[in-house]
């Protein structure tokens, strides 16, 4: 299915946000997820279904020195 991921049209086989986080190798990292302009708590990622044309923004923290 096609979704908008960080503003770009993307094909994904993922059915929920947890699968998308796993696909992007972000597990165990610091990140925030927004679906259709609504912040999704990490505790609800697995229950949050992805639908075609959803707009998903993922922001992850990058450490530096």
PDB file of N, CA and C in Angstrom:
ATOM      1  N   UNK A   1       0.848  -1.178   0.000  1.00  0.00           N
ATOM      2  CA  UNK A   1       0.000   0.000   0.000  1.00  0.00           C
ATOM      3  C   UNK A   1       0.883   1.228   0.000  1.00  0.00           C
ATOM      4  N   UNK A   2       0.340   2.334  -0.429  1.00  0.00           N
ATOM      5  CA  UNK A   2       1.088   3.584  -0.471  1.00  0.00           C
ATOM      6  C   UNK A   2       0.687   4.485   0.691  1.00  0.00           C
ATOM      7  N   UNK A   3       1.706   5.009   1.361  1.00  0.00           N
ATOM      8  CA  UNK A   3       1.504   5.979   2.436  1.00  0.00           C
ATOM      9  C   UNK A   3       2.464   7.143   2.194  1.00  0.00           C
ATOM     10  N   UNK A   4       2.241   8.217   2.897  1.00  0.00           N
ATOM     11  CA  UNK A   4       3.184   9.333   2.879  1.00  0.00           C
ATOM     12  C   UNK A   4       4.029   9.223   4.143  1.00  0.00           C
ATOM     13  N   UNK A   5       5.314   8.946   3.983  1.00  0.00           N
ATOM     14  CA  UNK A   5       6.229   8.807   5.099  1.00  0.00           C
ATOM     15  C   UNK A   5       7.185   9.990   5.073  1.00  0.00           C
ATOM     16  N   UNK A   6       7.103  10.823   6.082  1.00  0.00           N
ATOM     17  CA  UNK A   6       7.914  12.046   6.160  1.00  0.00           C
ATOM     18  C   UNK A   6       7.799  12.854   4.875  1.00  0.00           C
ATOM     19  N   UNK A   7       6.571  12.943   4.357  1.00  0.00           N
ATOM     20  CA  UNK A   7       6.287  13.784   3.202  1.00  0.00           C
ATOM     21  C   UNK A   7       6.504  13.142   1.845  1.00  0.00           C
ATOM     22  N   UNK A   8       7.035  11.914   1.806  1.00  0.00           N
ATOM     23  CA  UNK A   8       7.293  11.249   0.531  1.00  0.00           C
ATOM     24  C   UNK A   8       6.366  10.049   0.349  1.00  0.00           C
ATOM     25  N   UNK A   9       5.802   9.917  -0.847  1.00  0.00           N
ATOM     26  CA  UNK A   9       4.960   8.774  -1.163  1.00  0.00           C
ATOM     27  C   UNK A   9       5.816   7.512  -1.140  1.00  0.00           C
ATOM     28  N   UNK A  10       5.422   6.539  -0.343  1.00  0.00           N
ATOM     29  CA  UNK A  10       6.218   5.333  -0.103  1.00  0.00           C
ATOM     30  C   UNK A  10       5.322   4.107  -0.147  1.00  0.00           C
ATOM     31  N   UNK A  11       5.832   3.022  -0.711  1.00  0.00           N
ATOM     32  CA  UNK A  11       5.140   1.736  -0.669  1.00  0.00           C
ATOM     33  C   UNK A  11       5.590   0.991   0.576  1.00  0.00           C
ATOM     34  N   UNK A  12       4.652   0.382   1.289  1.00  0.00           N
ATOM     35  CA  UNK A  12       5.000  -0.391   2.474  1.00  0.00           C
ATOM     36  C   UNK A  12       4.122  -1.638   2.586  1.00  0.00           C
ATOM     37  N   UNK A  13       4.712  -2.740   3.061  1.00  0.00           N
ATOM     38  CA  UNK A  13       3.921  -3.938   3.329  1.00  0.00           C
ATOM     39  C   UNK A  13       3.355  -3.937   4.754  1.00  0.00           C
ATOM     40  N   UNK A  14       3.720  -2.933   5.555  1.00  0.00           N
ATOM     41  CA  UNK A  14       3.351  -2.888   6.973  1.00  0.00           C
ATOM     42  C   UNK A  14       1.855  -2.643   7.155  1.00  0.00           C
ATOM     43  N   UNK A  15       1.314  -3.296   8.196  1.00  0.00           N
ATOM     44  CA  UNK A  15      -0.105  -3.151   8.507  1.00  0.00           C
ATOM     45  C   UNK A  15      -0.348  -2.246   9.697  1.00  0.00           C
ATOM     46  N   UNK A  16       0.676  -2.066  10.544  1.00  0.00           N
ATOM     47  CA  UNK A  16       0.529  -1.185  11.700  1.00  0.00           C
ATOM     48  C   UNK A  16       1.824  -0.418  11.928  1.00  0.00           C
ATOM     49  N   UNK A  17       1.779   0.549  12.828  1.00  0.00           N
ATOM     50  CA  UNK A  17       2.940   1.404  13.048  1.00  0.00           C
ATOM     51  C   UNK A  17       4.114   0.653  13.661  1.00  0.00           C
ATOM     52  N   UNK A  18       3.854  -0.350  14.489  1.00  0.00           N
ATOM     53  CA  UNK A  18       4.944  -1.128  15.085  1.00  0.00           C
ATOM     54  C   UNK A  18       5.745  -1.838  13.994  1.00  0.00           C
ATOM     55  N   UNK A  19       5.070  -2.416  13.022  1.00  0.00           N
ATOM     56  CA  UNK A  19       5.765  -3.079  11.910  1.00  0.00           C
ATOM     57  C   UNK A  19       6.603  -2.071  11.126  1.00  0.00           C
ATOM     58  N   UNK A  20       6.088  -0.865  10.942  1.00  0.00           N
ATOM     59  CA  UNK A  20       6.825   0.164  10.219  1.00  0.00           C
ATOM     60  C   UNK A  20       8.089   0.557  10.986  1.00  0.00           C
ATOM     61  N   UNK A  21       7.987   0.700  12.291  1.00  0.00           N
ATOM     62  CA  UNK A  21       9.150   1.032  13.119  1.00  0.00           C
ATOM     63  C   UNK A  21      10.196  -0.080  13.010  1.00  0.00           C
ATOM     64  N   UNK A  22       9.756  -1.330  13.022  1.00  0.00           N
ATOM     65  CA  UNK A  22      10.682  -2.458  12.877  1.00  0.00           C
ATOM     66  C   UNK A  22      11.346  -2.438  11.505  1.00  0.00           C
ATOM     67  N   UNK A  23      10.568  -2.171  10.470  1.00  0.00           N
ATOM     68  CA  UNK A  23      11.100  -2.127   9.105  1.00  0.00           C
ATOM     69  C   UNK A  23      12.164  -1.033   8.969  1.00  0.00           C
ATOM     70  N   UNK A  24      11.957   0.072   9.640  1.00  0.00           N
ATOM     71  CA  UNK A  24      12.900   1.192   9.578  1.00  0.00           C
ATOM     72  C   UNK A  24      14.053   1.050  10.576  1.00  0.00           C
ATOM     73  N   UNK A  25      14.085  -0.057  11.300  1.00  0.00           N
ATOM     74  CA  UNK A  25      15.149  -0.357  12.274  1.00  0.00           C
ATOM     75  C   UNK A  25      15.274   0.738  13.342  1.00  0.00           C
ATOM     76  N   UNK A  26      14.128   1.186  13.861  1.00  0.00           N
ATOM     77  CA  UNK A  26      14.126   2.225  14.882  1.00  0.00           C
ATOM     78  C   UNK A  26      13.824   1.691  16.279  1.00  0.00           C
ATOM     79  N   UNK A  27      13.613   0.387  16.411  1.00  0.00           N
ATOM     80  CA  UNK A  27      13.319  -0.179  17.728  1.00  0.00           C
ATOM     81  C   UNK A  27      14.493   0.070  18.672  1.00  0.00           C
ATOM     82  N   UNK A  28      14.169   0.460  19.896  1.00  0.00           N
ATOM     83  CA  UNK A  28      15.188   0.718  20.890  1.00  0.00           C
ATOM     84  C   UNK A  28      15.813   2.094  20.776  1.00  0.00           C
ATOM     85  N   UNK A  29      15.393   2.869  19.796  1.00  0.00           N
ATOM     86  CA  UNK A  29      15.909   4.222  19.620  1.00  0.00           C
ATOM     87  C   UNK A  29      14.864   5.227  20.078  1.00  0.00           C
ATOM     88  N   UNK A  30      15.291   6.475  20.211  1.00  0.00           N
ATOM     89  CA  UNK A  30      14.373   7.530  20.628  1.00  0.00           C
ATOM     90  C   UNK A  30      13.709   8.123  19.392  1.00  0.00           C
ATOM     91  N   UNK A  31      12.383   8.062  19.359  1.00  0.00           N
ATOM     92  CA  UNK A  31      11.640   8.571  18.217  1.00  0.00           C
ATOM     93  C   UNK A  31      10.230   8.963  18.638  1.00  0.00           C
ATOM     94  N   UNK A  32       9.588   9.736  17.776  1.00  0.00           N
ATOM     95  CA  UNK A  32       8.189  10.116  17.962  1.00  0.00           C
ATOM     96  C   UNK A  32       7.470   9.856  16.646  1.00  0.00           C
ATOM     97  N   UNK A  33       6.210   9.424  16.734  1.00  0.00           N
ATOM     98  CA  UNK A  33       5.429   9.093  15.546  1.00  0.00           C
ATOM     99  C   UNK A  33       4.144   9.925  15.531  1.00  0.00           C
ATOM    100  N   UNK A  34       3.859  10.471  14.366  1.00  0.00           N
ATOM    101  CA  UNK A  34       2.625  11.216  14.152  1.00  0.00           C
ATOM    102  C   UNK A  34       1.909  10.585  12.962  1.00  0.00           C
ATOM    103  N   UNK A  35       0.633  10.292  13.133  1.00  0.00           N
ATOM    104  CA  UNK A  35      -0.183   9.741  12.047  1.00  0.00           C
ATOM    105  C   UNK A  35      -1.335  10.698  11.795  1.00  0.00           C
ATOM    106  N   UNK A  36      -1.396  11.204  10.561  1.00  0.00           N
ATOM    107  CA  UNK A  36      -2.462  12.143  10.190  1.00  0.00           C
ATOM    108  C   UNK A  36      -2.600  13.280  11.208  1.00  0.00           C
ATOM    109  N   UNK A  37      -1.457  13.871  11.547  1.00  0.00           N
ATOM    110  CA  UNK A  37      -1.365  15.025  12.437  1.00  0.00           C
ATOM    111  C   UNK A  37      -1.763  14.727  13.874  1.00  0.00           C
ATOM    112  N   UNK A  38      -1.651  13.466  14.291  1.00  0.00           N
ATOM    113  CA  UNK A  38      -1.963  13.099  15.667  1.00  0.00           C
ATOM    114  C   UNK A  38      -0.800  12.279  16.220  1.00  0.00           C
ATOM    115  N   UNK A  39      -0.255  12.709  17.366  1.00  0.00           N
ATOM    116  CA  UNK A  39       0.858  11.999  18.002  1.00  0.00           C
ATOM    117  C   UNK A  39       0.351  10.648  18.504  1.00  0.00           C
ATOM    118  N   UNK A  40       1.115   9.600  18.202  1.00  0.00           N
ATOM    119  CA  UNK A  40       0.748   8.248  18.630  1.00  0.00           C
ATOM    120  C   UNK A  40       1.727   7.805  19.723  1.00  0.00           C
ATOM    121  N   UNK A  41       1.234   7.502  20.936  1.00  0.00           N
ATOM    122  CA  UNK A  41       2.119   7.021  21.993  1.00  0.00           C
ATOM    123  C   UNK A  41       2.747   5.679  21.608  1.00  0.00           C
ATOM    124  N   UNK A  42       3.967   5.442  22.061  1.00  0.00           N
ATOM    125  CA  UNK A  42       4.653   4.181  21.737  1.00  0.00           C
ATOM    126  C   UNK A  42       3.843   2.973  22.186  1.00  0.00           C
ATOM    127  N   UNK A  43       3.087   3.113  23.267  1.00  0.00           N
ATOM    128  CA  UNK A  43       2.281   1.999  23.772  1.00  0.00           C
ATOM    129  C   UNK A  43       1.147   1.611  22.824  1.00  0.00           C
ATOM    130  N   UNK A  44       0.839   2.479  21.846  1.00  0.00           N
ATOM    131  CA  UNK A  44      -0.262   2.198  20.919  1.00  0.00           C
ATOM    132  C   UNK A  44       0.199   1.915  19.491  1.00  0.00           C
ATOM    133  N   UNK A  45       1.501   1.802  19.275  1.00  0.00           N
ATOM    134  CA  UNK A  45       2.006   1.595  17.916  1.00  0.00           C
ATOM    135  C   UNK A  45       1.468   0.308  17.286  1.00  0.00           C
ATOM    136  N   UNK A  46       1.457  -0.777  18.050  1.00  0.00           N
ATOM    137  CA  UNK A  46       1.012  -2.058  17.497  1.00  0.00           C
ATOM    138  C   UNK A  46      -0.485  -2.052  17.178  1.00  0.00           C
ATOM    139  N   UNK A  47      -1.271  -1.322  17.941  1.00  0.00           N
ATOM    140  CA  UNK A  47      -2.723  -1.282  17.720  1.00  0.00           C
ATOM    141  C   UNK A  47      -3.129  -0.261  16.660  1.00  0.00           C
ATOM    142  N   UNK A  48      -2.195   0.579  16.225  1.00  0.00           N
ATOM    143  CA  UNK A  48      -2.531   1.634  15.274  1.00  0.00           C
ATOM    144  C   UNK A  48      -2.328   1.142  13.843  1.00  0.00           C
ATOM    145  N   UNK A  49      -3.424   0.918  13.153  1.00  0.00           N
ATOM    146  CA  UNK A  49      -3.436   0.380  11.798  1.00  0.00           C
ATOM    147  C   UNK A  49      -3.038   1.463  10.793  1.00  0.00           C
ATOM    148  N   UNK A  50      -2.291   1.053   9.785  1.00  0.00           N
ATOM    149  CA  UNK A  50      -1.928   1.950   8.690  1.00  0.00           C
ATOM    150  C   UNK A  50      -2.911   1.726   7.542  1.00  0.00           C
ATOM    151  N   UNK A  51      -3.429   2.804   6.991  1.00  0.00           N
ATOM    152  CA  UNK A  51      -4.350   2.737   5.857  1.00  0.00           C
ATOM    153  C   UNK A  51      -3.710   3.438   4.656  1.00  0.00           C
ATOM    154  N   UNK A  52      -4.144   3.079   3.437  1.00  0.00           N
ATOM    155  CA  UNK A  52      -3.600   3.758   2.251  1.00  0.00           C
ATOM    156  C   UNK A  52      -3.750   5.274   2.362  1.00  0.00           C
ATOM    157  N   UNK A  53      -2.711   5.966   1.918  1.00  0.00           N
ATOM    158  CA  UNK A  53      -2.651   7.430   1.894  1.00  0.00           C
ATOM    159  C   UNK A  53      -2.540   8.087   3.263  1.00  0.00           C
ATOM    160  N   UNK A  54      -2.296   7.305   4.329  1.00  0.00           N
ATOM    161  CA  UNK A  54      -2.029   7.911   5.628  1.00  0.00           C
ATOM    162  C   UNK A  54      -0.765   8.762   5.535  1.00  0.00           C
ATOM    163  N   UNK A  55      -0.734   9.824   6.316  1.00  0.00           N
ATOM    164  CA  UNK A  55       0.444  10.688   6.409  1.00  0.00           C
ATOM    165  C   UNK A  55       1.128  10.385   7.739  1.00  0.00           C
ATOM    166  N   UNK A  56       2.309   9.809   7.658  1.00  0.00           N
ATOM    167  CA  UNK A  56       3.044   9.406   8.852  1.00  0.00           C
ATOM    168  C   UNK A  56       4.366  10.156   8.902  1.00  0.00           C
ATOM    169  N   UNK A  57       4.609  10.776  10.031  1.00  0.00           N
ATOM    170  CA  UNK A  57       5.864  11.492  10.259  1.00  0.00           C
ATOM    171  C   UNK A  57       6.578  10.787  11.402  1.00  0.00           C
ATOM    172  N   UNK A  58       7.848  10.466  11.203  1.00  0.00           N
ATOM    173  CA  UNK A  58       8.650   9.844  12.249  1.00  0.00           C
ATOM    174  C   UNK A  58       9.882  10.715  12.459  1.00  0.00           C
ATOM    175  N   UNK A  59      10.047  11.141  13.688  1.00  0.00           N
ATOM    176  CA  UNK A  59      11.202  11.961  14.040  1.00  0.00           C
ATOM    177  C   UNK A  59      12.027  11.150  15.034  1.00  0.00           C
ATOM    178  N   UNK A  60      13.315  10.984  14.743  1.00  0.00           N
ATOM    179  CA  UNK A  60      14.148  10.280  15.714  1.00  0.00           C
ATOM    180  C   UNK A  60      15.350  11.124  16.095  1.00  0.00           C
ATOM    181  N   UNK A  61      15.713  10.993  17.376  1.00  0.00           N
ATOM    182  CA  UNK A  61      16.811  11.776  17.933  1.00  0.00           C
ATOM    183  C   UNK A  61      18.144  11.178  17.510  1.00  0.00           C
ATOM    184  N   UNK A  62      19.066  12.073  17.164  1.00  0.00           N
ATOM    185  CA  UNK A  62      20.414  11.666  16.804  1.00  0.00           C
ATOM    186  C   UNK A  62      21.369  12.349  17.759  1.00  0.00           C
ATOM    187  N   UNK A  63      22.184  11.538  18.444  1.00  0.00           N
ATOM    188  CA  UNK A  63      23.133  12.088  19.402  1.00  0.00           C
ATOM    189  C   UNK A  63      24.342  12.701  18.719  1.00  0.00           C
ATOM    190  N   UNK A  64      24.945  13.613  19.384  1.00  0.00           N
ATOM    191  CA  UNK A  64      26.137  14.256  18.844  1.00  0.00           C
ATOM    192  C   UNK A  64      26.975  14.816  19.967  1.00  0.00           C
ATOM    193  N   UNK A  65      28.077  15.378  19.603  1.00  0.00           N
ATOM    194  CA  UNK A  65      28.924  15.888  20.674  1.00  0.00           C
ATOM    195  C   UNK A  65      29.544  17.202  20.354  1.00  0.00           C
TER     196      UNK A  65
END
